[in-house]
Amino acid sequence: MDFDNLFGIHERALVLRSQRAEILSANLANADTPNYKARDIDFKAMLQQQMGDGMRMATTNSGHIQAESGTVPPAQLLYRVPSQPSLDGNTVDSEREHAAFGTNAIEYQTSLNFVNSKISGLRKALKGE
C-alpha cells in the first residue's frame, strides 16, 4: 500500500479549500470598505500546480530572493472582475461571495468526508474487522 498517495488529490484540496475560504471571508468582511478589491484564486489551476511535478523554487544562498511562502502565494491571487462596479471602488459582490463561500464549504466537506472514510477503512483493516 502506498501511503504517500493514500488520500489522493483530497489532501492538497483540503489545504487549498481552507485558504480559499479565508480569501472569500476577507472579501465578505470588506464588503463595505471603499476601494477594496475582491480577490480569489483559480482553484483548478492551483490544484493542478500542486499535483504537478512538485518542483518549487528554492533558495540555496542567503543572497537569493526568498520564494513566496504559503500554498497560495499573494502574487497568485486574482482580482475579480466586477459585474456591477460601485461608486466607491469596492468590487465585492456580496451575493457572489456568499455563493462562492457556500460552494467552497460543500467541496471542503466532501474532501474531508473522503479522507475520514479512508482513515476509517484503515482502522478497520488494522483491527481485522
Foldseek 3Di string as FASTA:
>chain_A
DDPVCLLPLLVVLLQLLVVQLVLLVVLLVCVPPFQAFRKGAPSVVLSCVCVPPNDDDDDPDPPDDHDADDSQGPVRIGTDDAPDADPRNYRRDNVVSVVVSVVSVVVSVVSVVSVVVSVVVVVCVVVVD
